[in-house]
All heavy atoms as atom14 arrays in JSON, in Angstrom:
{
  "sequence": "DRLIYTYPLHMAVKFQTPLLVYGENVSYEYGGADYVETYSAKEQL",
  "atom14_mask": [
    [1, 1, 1, 1, 1, 1, 1, 1, 0, 0, 0, 0, 0, 0],
    [1, 1, 1, 1, 1, 1, 1, 1, 1, 1, 1, 0, 0, 0],
    [1, 1, 1, 1, 1, 1, 1, 1, 0, 0, 0, 0, 0, 0],
    [1, 1, 1, 1, 1, 1, 1, 1, 0, 0, 0, 0, 0, 0],
    [1, 1, 1, 1, 1, 1, 1, 1, 1, 1, 1, 1, 0, 0],
    [1, 1, 1, 1, 1, 1, 1, 0, 0, 0, 0, 0, 0, 0],
    [1, 1, 1, 1, 1, 1, 1, 1, 1, 1, 1, 1, 0, 0],
    [1, 1, 1, 1, 1, 1, 1, 0, 0, 0, 0, 0, 0, 0],
    [1, 1, 1, 1, 1, 1, 1, 1, 0, 0, 0, 0, 0, 0],
    [1, 1, 1, 1, 1, 1, 1, 1, 1, 1, 0, 0, 0, 0],
    [1, 1, 1, 1, 1, 1, 1, 1, 0, 0, 0, 0, 0, 0],
    [1, 1, 1, 1, 1, 0, 0, 0, 0, 0, 0, 0, 0, 0],
    [1, 1, 1, 1, 1, 1, 1, 0, 0, 0, 0, 0, 0, 0],
    [1, 1, 1, 1, 1, 1, 1, 1, 1, 0, 0, 0, 0, 0],
    [1, 1, 1, 1, 1, 1, 1, 1, 1, 1, 1, 0, 0, 0],
    [1, 1, 1, 1, 1, 1, 1, 1, 1, 0, 0, 0, 0, 0],
    [1, 1, 1, 1, 1, 1, 1, 0, 0, 0, 0, 0, 0, 0],
    [1, 1, 1, 1, 1, 1, 1, 0, 0, 0, 0, 0, 0, 0],
    [1, 1, 1, 1, 1, 1, 1, 1, 0, 0, 0, 0, 0, 0],
    [1, 1, 1, 1, 1, 1, 1, 1, 0, 0, 0, 0, 0, 0],
    [1, 1, 1, 1, 1, 1, 1, 0, 0, 0, 0, 0, 0, 0],
    [1, 1, 1, 1, 1, 1, 1, 1, 1, 1, 1, 1, 0, 0],
    [1, 1, 1, 1, 0, 0, 0, 0, 0, 0, 0, 0, 0, 0],
    [1, 1, 1, 1, 1, 1, 1, 1, 1, 0, 0, 0, 0, 0],
    [1, 1, 1, 1, 1, 1, 1, 1, 0, 0, 0, 0, 0, 0],
    [1, 1, 1, 1, 1, 1, 1, 0, 0, 0, 0, 0, 0, 0],
    [1, 1, 1, 1, 1, 1, 0, 0, 0, 0, 0, 0, 0, 0],
    [1, 1, 1, 1, 1, 1, 1, 1, 1, 1, 1, 1, 0, 0],
    [1, 1, 1, 1, 1, 1, 1, 1, 1, 0, 0, 0, 0, 0],
    [1, 1, 1, 1, 1, 1, 1, 1, 1, 1, 1, 1, 0, 0],
    [1, 1, 1, 1, 0, 0, 0, 0, 0, 0, 0, 0, 0, 0],
    [1, 1, 1, 1, 0, 0, 0, 0, 0, 0, 0, 0, 0, 0],
    [1, 1, 1, 1, 1, 0, 0, 0, 0, 0, 0, 0, 0, 0],
    [1, 1, 1, 1, 1, 1, 1, 1, 0, 0, 0, 0, 0, 0],
    [1, 1, 1, 1, 1, 1, 1, 1, 1, 1, 1, 1, 0, 0],
    [1, 1, 1, 1, 1, 1, 1, 0, 0, 0, 0, 0, 0, 0],
    [1, 1, 1, 1, 1, 1, 1, 1, 1, 0, 0, 0, 0, 0],
    [1, 1, 1, 1, 1, 1, 1, 0, 0, 0, 0, 0, 0, 0],
    [1, 1, 1, 1, 1, 1, 1, 1, 1, 1, 1, 1, 0, 0],
    [1, 1, 1, 1, 1, 1, 0, 0, 0, 0, 0, 0, 0, 0],
    [1, 1, 1, 1, 1, 0, 0, 0, 0, 0, 0, 0, 0, 0],
    [1, 1, 1, 1, 1, 1, 1, 1, 1, 0, 0, 0, 0, 0],
    [1, 1, 1, 1, 1, 1, 1, 1, 1, 0, 0, 0, 0, 0],
    [1, 1, 1, 1, 1, 1, 1, 1, 1, 0, 0, 0, 0, 0],
    [1, 1, 1, 1, 1, 1, 1, 1, 0, 0, 0, 0, 0, 0]
  ],
  "atom14_positions": [
    [[-10.35, -8.69, 1.77], [-9.76, -7.46, 1.27], [-8.87, -6.79, 2.32], [-7.81, -6.26, 2.0], [-10.85, -6.49, 0.81], [-11.61, -7.0, -0.4], [-10.99, -7.7, -1.22], [-12.8, -6.71, -0.52], [0.0, 0.0, 0.0], [0.0, 0.0, 0.0], [0.0, 0.0, 0.0], [0.0, 0.0, 0.0], [0.0, 0.0, 0.0], [0.0, 0.0, 0.0]],
    [[-9.33, -6.82, 3.55], [-8.54, -6.23, 4.63], [-7.21, -6.98, 4.78], [-6.16, -6.37, 4.92], [-9.33, -6.28, 5.94], [-8.61, -5.66, 7.13], [-8.52, -4.16, 7.04], [-7.83, -3.62, 8.21], [-7.54, -2.34, 8.39], [-7.89, -1.45, 7.48], [-6.91, -1.93, 9.47], [0.0, 0.0, 0.0], [0.0, 0.0, 0.0], [0.0, 0.0, 0.0]],
    [[-7.26, -8.3, 4.72], [-6.04, -9.1, 4.82], [-5.1, -8.85, 3.65], [-3.88, -8.87, 3.81], [-6.39, -10.58, 4.91], [-7.04, -11.05, 6.21], [-7.53, -12.49, 6.07], [-6.06, -10.93, 7.38], [0.0, 0.0, 0.0], [0.0, 0.0, 0.0], [0.0, 0.0, 0.0], [0.0, 0.0, 0.0], [0.0, 0.0, 0.0], [0.0, 0.0, 0.0]],
    [[-5.66, -8.62, 2.47], [-4.83, -8.32, 1.3], [-3.98, -7.08, 1.55], [-2.84, -6.98, 1.08], [-5.71, -8.15, 0.05], [-6.25, -9.53, -0.4], [-4.95, -7.48, -1.09], [-7.27, -9.46, -1.51], [0.0, 0.0, 0.0], [0.0, 0.0, 0.0], [0.0, 0.0, 0.0], [0.0, 0.0, 0.0], [0.0, 0.0, 0.0], [0.0, 0.0, 0.0]],
    [[-4.52, -6.16, 2.34], [-3.77, -4.94, 2.67], [-2.84, -5.14, 3.86], [-1.71, -4.64, 3.86], [-4.74, -3.8, 2.97], [-5.31, -3.15, 1.73], [-6.43, -3.67, 1.11], [-4.71, -2.03, 1.17], [-6.95, -3.1, -0.03], [-5.22, -1.44, 0.03], [-6.34, -1.98, -0.57], [-6.84, -1.41, -1.71], [0.0, 0.0, 0.0], [0.0, 0.0, 0.0]],
    [[-3.31, -5.83, 4.91], [-2.52, -5.91, 6.14], [-1.48, -7.02, 6.14], [-0.4, -6.87, 6.72], [-3.44, -6.09, 7.36], [-4.25, -7.27, 7.18], [-4.35, -4.88, 7.53], [0.0, 0.0, 0.0], [0.0, 0.0, 0.0], [0.0, 0.0, 0.0], [0.0, 0.0, 0.0], [0.0, 0.0, 0.0], [0.0, 0.0, 0.0], [0.0, 0.0, 0.0]],
    [[-1.79, -8.16, 5.53], [-0.9, -9.32, 5.58], [0.5, -9.0, 5.01], [1.51, -9.32, 5.65], [-1.53, -10.5, 4.85], [-0.65, -11.72, 4.74], [-0.29, -12.46, 5.87], [-0.16, -12.13, 3.5], [0.52, -13.59, 5.76], [0.65, -13.25, 3.38], [0.98, -13.97, 4.52], [1.79, -15.07, 4.41], [0.0, 0.0, 0.0], [0.0, 0.0, 0.0]],
    [[0.6, -8.39, 3.83], [1.95, -8.08, 3.33], [2.73, -7.15, 4.26], [3.95, -7.27, 4.35], [1.67, -7.41, 1.98], [0.34, -7.93, 1.55], [-0.43, -8.05, 2.82], [0.0, 0.0, 0.0], [0.0, 0.0, 0.0], [0.0, 0.0, 0.0], [0.0, 0.0, 0.0], [0.0, 0.0, 0.0], [0.0, 0.0, 0.0], [0.0, 0.0, 0.0]],
    [[2.03, -6.25, 4.94], [2.71, -5.35, 5.88], [3.31, -6.15, 7.04], [4.48, -5.95, 7.41], [1.74, -4.3, 6.41], [1.18, -3.29, 5.39], [0.06, -2.48, 6.01], [2.3, -2.37, 4.88], [0.0, 0.0, 0.0], [0.0, 0.0, 0.0], [0.0, 0.0, 0.0], [0.0, 0.0, 0.0], [0.0, 0.0, 0.0], [0.0, 0.0, 0.0]],
    [[2.51, -7.04, 7.62], [3.0, -7.86, 8.72], [4.19, -8.73, 8.28], [5.18, -8.87, 9.01], [1.89, -8.77, 9.25], [0.87, -8.06, 10.08], [1.16, -7.53, 11.32], [-0.44, -7.79, 9.85], [0.07, -6.97, 11.82], [-0.91, -7.11, 10.95], [0.0, 0.0, 0.0], [0.0, 0.0, 0.0], [0.0, 0.0, 0.0], [0.0, 0.0, 0.0]],
    [[4.08, -9.29, 7.09], [5.12, -10.2, 6.62], [6.4, -9.44, 6.25], [7.51, -9.93, 6.46], [4.62, -11.01, 5.43], [3.46, -11.94, 5.76], [3.84, -13.09, 7.12], [4.98, -14.19, 6.31], [0.0, 0.0, 0.0], [0.0, 0.0, 0.0], [0.0, 0.0, 0.0], [0.0, 0.0, 0.0], [0.0, 0.0, 0.0], [0.0, 0.0, 0.0]],
    [[6.26, -8.23, 5.74], [7.44, -7.43, 5.43], [8.2, -7.1, 6.71], [9.44, -7.07, 6.71], [7.03, -6.15, 4.71], [0.0, 0.0, 0.0], [0.0, 0.0, 0.0], [0.0, 0.0, 0.0], [0.0, 0.0, 0.0], [0.0, 0.0, 0.0], [0.0, 0.0, 0.0], [0.0, 0.0, 0.0], [0.0, 0.0, 0.0], [0.0, 0.0, 0.0]],
    [[7.45, -6.87, 7.79], [8.1, -6.64, 9.08], [8.87, -7.89, 9.51], [10.04, -7.82, 9.91], [7.06, -6.25, 10.16], [7.71, -6.23, 11.54], [6.45, -4.89, 9.84], [0.0, 0.0, 0.0], [0.0, 0.0, 0.0], [0.0, 0.0, 0.0], [0.0, 0.0, 0.0], [0.0, 0.0, 0.0], [0.0, 0.0, 0.0], [0.0, 0.0, 0.0]],
    [[8.22, -9.05, 9.41], [8.84, -10.3, 9.86], [10.06, -10.7, 9.02], [11.04, -11.23, 9.55], [7.8, -11.43, 9.85], [6.67, -11.25, 10.86], [5.71, -12.4, 10.83], [4.51, -12.17, 11.76], [4.95, -12.0, 13.17], [0.0, 0.0, 0.0], [0.0, 0.0, 0.0], [0.0, 0.0, 0.0], [0.0, 0.0, 0.0], [0.0, 0.0, 0.0]],
    [[9.99, -10.45, 7.71], [11.1, -10.82, 6.84], [12.16, -9.72, 6.74], [13.13, -9.87, 6.01], [10.58, -11.17, 5.44], [10.11, -12.58, 5.31], [8.84, -12.95, 5.73], [10.93, -13.56, 4.76], [8.39, -14.26, 5.61], [10.49, -14.88, 4.63], [9.22, -15.22, 5.06], [0.0, 0.0, 0.0], [0.0, 0.0, 0.0], [0.0, 0.0, 0.0]],
    [[11.92, -8.61, 7.43], [12.85, -7.48, 7.43], [13.14, -7.0, 6.0], [14.29, -6.81, 5.59], [14.15, -7.86, 8.15], [13.93, -8.21, 9.61], [15.22, -8.56, 10.34], [16.32, -8.41, 9.81], [15.09, -9.03, 11.57], [0.0, 0.0, 0.0], [0.0, 0.0, 0.0], [0.0, 0.0, 0.0], [0.0, 0.0, 0.0], [0.0, 0.0, 0.0]],
    [[12.04, -6.83, 5.24], [12.14, -6.3, 3.88], [11.36, -4.98, 3.84], [10.18, -4.97, 3.47], [11.55, -7.29, 2.86], [10.23, -7.71, 3.29], [12.44, -8.52, 2.73], [0.0, 0.0, 0.0], [0.0, 0.0, 0.0], [0.0, 0.0, 0.0], [0.0, 0.0, 0.0], [0.0, 0.0, 0.0], [0.0, 0.0, 0.0], [0.0, 0.0, 0.0]],
    [[11.99, -3.88, 4.24], [11.28, -2.6, 4.32], [10.62, -2.18, 3.01], [9.54, -1.6, 3.01], [12.37, -1.61, 4.73], [13.42, -2.45, 5.39], [13.4, -3.75, 4.66], [0.0, 0.0, 0.0], [0.0, 0.0, 0.0], [0.0, 0.0, 0.0], [0.0, 0.0, 0.0], [0.0, 0.0, 0.0], [0.0, 0.0, 0.0], [0.0, 0.0, 0.0]],
    [[11.3, -2.45, 1.89], [10.74, -2.05, 0.6], [9.65, -3.03, 0.2], [9.92, -4.17, -0.19], [11.83, -2.01, -0.47], [11.4, -1.42, -1.82], [10.97, 0.04, -1.67], [12.53, -1.54, -2.84], [0.0, 0.0, 0.0], [0.0, 0.0, 0.0], [0.0, 0.0, 0.0], [0.0, 0.0, 0.0], [0.0, 0.0, 0.0], [0.0, 0.0, 0.0]],
    [[8.41, -2.59, 0.3], [7.24, -3.41, -0.01], [6.56, -2.82, -1.24], [6.14, -1.66, -1.22], [6.28, -3.45, 1.18], [4.94, -4.16, 1.0], [5.13, -5.6, 0.57], [4.13, -4.08, 2.29], [0.0, 0.0, 0.0], [0.0, 0.0, 0.0], [0.0, 0.0, 0.0], [0.0, 0.0, 0.0], [0.0, 0.0, 0.0], [0.0, 0.0, 0.0]],
    [[6.45, -3.6, -2.3], [6.05, -3.09, -3.61], [4.58, -3.38, -3.91], [4.12, -4.52, -3.79], [6.94, -3.71, -4.71], [6.54, -3.19, -6.09], [8.41, -3.43, -4.42], [0.0, 0.0, 0.0], [0.0, 0.0, 0.0], [0.0, 0.0, 0.0], [0.0, 0.0, 0.0], [0.0, 0.0, 0.0], [0.0, 0.0, 0.0], [0.0, 0.0, 0.0]],
    [[3.88, -2.34, -4.31], [2.5, -2.45, -4.8], [2.45, -1.91, -6.24], [3.37, -1.2, -6.67], [1.53, -1.64, -3.93], [1.4, -2.16, -2.53], [2.2, -1.68, -1.5], [0.47, -3.15, -2.21], [2.08, -2.15, -0.2], [0.34, -3.64, -0.92], [1.15, -3.13, 0.08], [1.03, -3.6, 1.36], [0.0, 0.0, 0.0], [0.0, 0.0, 0.0]],
    [[1.38, -2.2, -6.94], [1.23, -1.77, -8.32], [0.8, -0.33, -8.42], [1.59, 0.61, -8.23], [0.0, 0.0, 0.0], [0.0, 0.0, 0.0], [0.0, 0.0, 0.0], [0.0, 0.0, 0.0], [0.0, 0.0, 0.0], [0.0, 0.0, 0.0], [0.0, 0.0, 0.0], [0.0, 0.0, 0.0], [0.0, 0.0, 0.0], [0.0, 0.0, 0.0]],
    [[-0.5, -0.11, -8.71], [-0.96, 1.25, -8.88], [-1.56, 1.83, -7.6], [-2.08, 1.11, -6.76], [-1.98, 1.36, -10.01], [-3.38, 0.81, -9.7], [-3.56, -0.61, -10.13], [-2.78, -1.46, -9.64], [-4.5, -0.89, -10.89], [0.0, 0.0, 0.0], [0.0, 0.0, 0.0], [0.0, 0.0, 0.0], [0.0, 0.0, 0.0], [0.0, 0.0, 0.0]],
    [[-1.46, 3.14, -7.51], [-2.14, 3.91, -6.46], [-3.58, 4.08, -6.92], [-3.9, 4.95, -7.72], [-1.44, 5.26, -6.3], [-2.08, 6.14, -5.23], [-3.2, 5.88, -4.79], [-1.37, 7.17, -4.82], [0.0, 0.0, 0.0], [0.0, 0.0, 0.0], [0.0, 0.0, 0.0], [0.0, 0.0, 0.0], [0.0, 0.0, 0.0], [0.0, 0.0, 0.0]],
    [[-4.46, 3.22, -6.42], [-5.84, 3.16, -6.91], [-6.55, 4.5, -6.79], [-7.22, 4.95, -7.72], [-6.63, 2.06, -6.16], [-8.1, 2.09, -6.54], [-6.04, 0.69, -6.45], [0.0, 0.0, 0.0], [0.0, 0.0, 0.0], [0.0, 0.0, 0.0], [0.0, 0.0, 0.0], [0.0, 0.0, 0.0], [0.0, 0.0, 0.0], [0.0, 0.0, 0.0]],
    [[-6.41, 5.17, -5.66], [-7.1, 6.44, -5.45], [-6.65, 7.5, -6.44], [-7.47, 8.28, -6.95], [-6.87, 6.94, -4.02], [-7.53, 6.12, -3.09], [0.0, 0.0, 0.0], [0.0, 0.0, 0.0], [0.0, 0.0, 0.0], [0.0, 0.0, 0.0], [0.0, 0.0, 0.0], [0.0, 0.0, 0.0], [0.0, 0.0, 0.0], [0.0, 0.0, 0.0]],
    [[-5.35, 7.54, -6.72], [-4.86, 8.57, -7.64], [-5.11, 8.19, -9.1], [-5.5, 9.05, -9.91], [-3.37, 8.8, -7.44], [-2.85, 9.91, -8.31], [-3.12, 11.24, -8.01], [-2.11, 9.64, -9.47], [-2.69, 12.27, -8.83], [-1.66, 10.67, -10.29], [-1.95, 11.98, -9.97], [-1.52, 13.0, -10.78], [0.0, 0.0, 0.0], [0.0, 0.0, 0.0]],
    [[-4.91, 6.95, -9.45], [-5.07, 6.53, -10.85], [-6.53, 6.55, -11.29], [-6.83, 6.89, -12.44], [-4.49, 5.14, -11.05], [-2.98, 5.05, -10.87], [-2.2, 5.83, -11.91], [-2.66, 5.88, -13.07], [-1.15, 6.38, -11.57], [0.0, 0.0, 0.0], [0.0, 0.0, 0.0], [0.0, 0.0, 0.0], [0.0, 0.0, 0.0], [0.0, 0.0, 0.0]],
    [[-7.44, 6.16, -10.39], [-8.84, 6.0, -10.8], [-9.81, 6.89, -10.04], [-11.02, 6.83, -10.28], [-9.24, 4.52, -10.63], [-8.24, 3.58, -11.24], [-7.68, 2.54, -10.51], [-7.81, 3.75, -12.56], [-6.74, 1.68, -11.07], [-6.87, 2.91, -13.13], [-6.33, 1.88, -12.38], [-5.39, 1.04, -12.93], [0.0, 0.0, 0.0], [0.0, 0.0, 0.0]],
    [[-9.31, 7.7, -9.12], [-10.16, 8.61, -8.36], [-10.65, 7.98, -7.08], [-11.23, 6.9, -7.09], [0.0, 0.0, 0.0], [0.0, 0.0, 0.0], [0.0, 0.0, 0.0], [0.0, 0.0, 0.0], [0.0, 0.0, 0.0], [0.0, 0.0, 0.0], [0.0, 0.0, 0.0], [0.0, 0.0, 0.0], [0.0, 0.0, 0.0], [0.0, 0.0, 0.0]],
    [[-10.38, 8.64, -5.97], [-10.8, 8.1, -4.68], [-10.53, 9.07, -3.56], [-10.03, 10.19, -3.78], [0.0, 0.0, 0.0], [0.0, 0.0, 0.0], [0.0, 0.0, 0.0], [0.0, 0.0, 0.0], [0.0, 0.0, 0.0], [0.0, 0.0, 0.0], [0.0, 0.0, 0.0], [0.0, 0.0, 0.0], [0.0, 0.0, 0.0], [0.0, 0.0, 0.0]],
    [[-10.88, 8.66, -2.34], [-10.8, 9.55, -1.19], [-9.38, 10.01, -0.9], [-9.15, 11.16, -0.5], [-11.4, 8.87, 0.04], [0.0, 0.0, 0.0], [0.0, 0.0, 0.0], [0.0, 0.0, 0.0], [0.0, 0.0, 0.0], [0.0, 0.0, 0.0], [0.0, 0.0, 0.0], [0.0, 0.0, 0.0], [0.0, 0.0, 0.0], [0.0, 0.0, 0.0]],
    [[-8.4, 9.15, -1.09], [-7.01, 9.47, -0.79], [-6.3, 9.86, -2.08], [-5.34, 9.22, -2.51], [-6.33, 8.28, -0.1], [-4.95, 8.63, 0.45], [-4.75, 9.81, 0.79], [-4.1, 7.74, 0.52], [0.0, 0.0, 0.0], [0.0, 0.0, 0.0], [0.0, 0.0, 0.0], [0.0, 0.0, 0.0], [0.0, 0.0, 0.0], [0.0, 0.0, 0.0]],
    [[-6.76, 10.94, -2.71], [-6.28, 11.34, -4.04], [-5.01, 12.18, -3.91], [-5.04, 13.41, -3.88], [-7.39, 12.13, -4.75], [-7.06, 12.51, -6.17], [-7.14, 11.57, -7.2], [-6.7, 13.82, -6.51], [-6.86, 11.92, -8.5], [-6.4, 14.17, -7.82], [-6.48, 13.22, -8.81], [-6.21, 13.56, -10.11], [0.0, 0.0, 0.0], [0.0, 0.0, 0.0]],
    [[-3.89, 11.49, -3.8], [-2.6, 12.15, -3.65], [-1.58, 11.43, -4.53], [-1.49, 10.2, -4.51], [-2.11, 12.12, -2.18], [-0.75, 12.8, -2.07], [-3.12, 12.79, -1.26], [0.0, 0.0, 0.0], [0.0, 0.0, 0.0], [0.0, 0.0, 0.0], [0.0, 0.0, 0.0], [0.0, 0.0, 0.0], [0.0, 0.0, 0.0], [0.0, 0.0, 0.0]],
    [[-0.82, 12.19, -5.3], [0.23, 11.59, -6.11], [1.48, 11.44, -5.25], [2.12, 12.43, -4.88], [0.55, 12.43, -7.35], [1.54, 11.74, -8.26], [1.92, 12.57, -9.47], [1.81, 13.8, -9.4], [2.34, 11.97, -10.48], [0.0, 0.0, 0.0], [0.0, 0.0, 0.0], [0.0, 0.0, 0.0], [0.0, 0.0, 0.0], [0.0, 0.0, 0.0]],
    [[1.82, 10.22, -4.92], [2.96, 9.94, -4.07], [3.48, 8.54, -4.33], [2.72, 7.67, -4.75], [2.56, 10.06, -2.57], [3.66, 9.66, -1.75], [1.37, 9.17, -2.25], [0.0, 0.0, 0.0], [0.0, 0.0, 0.0], [0.0, 0.0, 0.0], [0.0, 0.0, 0.0], [0.0, 0.0, 0.0], [0.0, 0.0, 0.0], [0.0, 0.0, 0.0]],
    [[4.76, 8.35, -4.11], [5.3, 6.99, -4.27], [4.98, 6.15, -3.05], [4.9, 4.92, -3.13], [6.81, 7.03, -4.51], [7.66, 6.89, -3.25], [8.02, 5.63, -2.77], [8.08, 8.02, -2.55], [8.78, 5.5, -1.61], [8.85, 7.9, -1.41], [9.2, 6.64, -0.94], [9.94, 6.51, 0.2], [0.0, 0.0, 0.0], [0.0, 0.0, 0.0]],
    [[4.75, 6.79, -1.9], [4.56, 6.05, -0.65], [3.17, 5.45, -0.54], [2.16, 6.13, -0.75], [4.79, 6.99, 0.55], [4.52, 6.3, 1.76], [0.0, 0.0, 0.0], [0.0, 0.0, 0.0], [0.0, 0.0, 0.0], [0.0, 0.0, 0.0], [0.0, 0.0, 0.0], [0.0, 0.0, 0.0], [0.0, 0.0, 0.0], [0.0, 0.0, 0.0]],
    [[3.13, 4.16, -0.19], [1.85, 3.46, -0.02], [1.49, 3.31, 1.46], [0.64, 2.48, 1.8], [1.93, 2.09, -0.69], [0.0, 0.0, 0.0], [0.0, 0.0, 0.0], [0.0, 0.0, 0.0], [0.0, 0.0, 0.0], [0.0, 0.0, 0.0], [0.0, 0.0, 0.0], [0.0, 0.0, 0.0], [0.0, 0.0, 0.0], [0.0, 0.0, 0.0]],
    [[2.11, 4.1, 2.32], [1.85, 3.95, 3.76], [0.41, 4.27, 4.13], [-0.11, 3.76, 5.12], [2.79, 4.85, 4.56], [4.17, 4.26, 4.77], [4.94, 5.01, 5.82], [6.27, 4.31, 6.12], [7.02, 4.98, 7.21], [0.0, 0.0, 0.0], [0.0, 0.0, 0.0], [0.0, 0.0, 0.0], [0.0, 0.0, 0.0], [0.0, 0.0, 0.0]],
    [[-0.26, 5.11, 3.36], [-1.61, 5.54, 3.69], [-2.7, 4.75, 2.97], [-3.87, 5.1, 3.05], [-1.78, 7.03, 3.38], [-0.82, 7.94, 4.14], [-1.04, 7.85, 5.64], [-2.21, 7.85, 6.07], [-0.03, 7.77, 6.38], [0.0, 0.0, 0.0], [0.0, 0.0, 0.0], [0.0, 0.0, 0.0], [0.0, 0.0, 0.0], [0.0, 0.0, 0.0]],
    [[-2.33, 3.67, 2.27], [-3.33, 3.02, 1.43], [-4.44, 2.34, 2.22], [-5.53, 2.09, 1.7], [-2.68, 2.04, 0.47], [-2.14, 0.78, 1.08], [-1.81, -0.25, 0.01], [-2.42, -0.26, -1.06], [-0.87, -1.12, 0.3], [0.0, 0.0, 0.0], [0.0, 0.0, 0.0], [0.0, 0.0, 0.0], [0.0, 0.0, 0.0], [0.0, 0.0, 0.0]],
    [[-4.21, 2.03, 3.49], [-5.29, 1.46, 4.3], [-6.45, 2.43, 4.46], [-7.54, 2.03, 4.86], [-4.75, 1.06, 5.67], [-4.0, -0.27, 5.75], [-3.37, -0.44, 7.13], [-4.92, -1.44, 5.46], [0.0, 0.0, 0.0], [0.0, 0.0, 0.0], [0.0, 0.0, 0.0], [0.0, 0.0, 0.0], [0.0, 0.0, 0.0], [0.0, 0.0, 0.0]]
  ]
}
């Protein structure tokens, strides 16, 4: 699970693709500790 979060970040850096796309904001859509409505996924870790 940790790699699922970190690996795409590392690879986006290596491929120089700043725009990294994820589906839903789990915390906001379903309730969680990081309950913030935002487009940015920088805090999802």
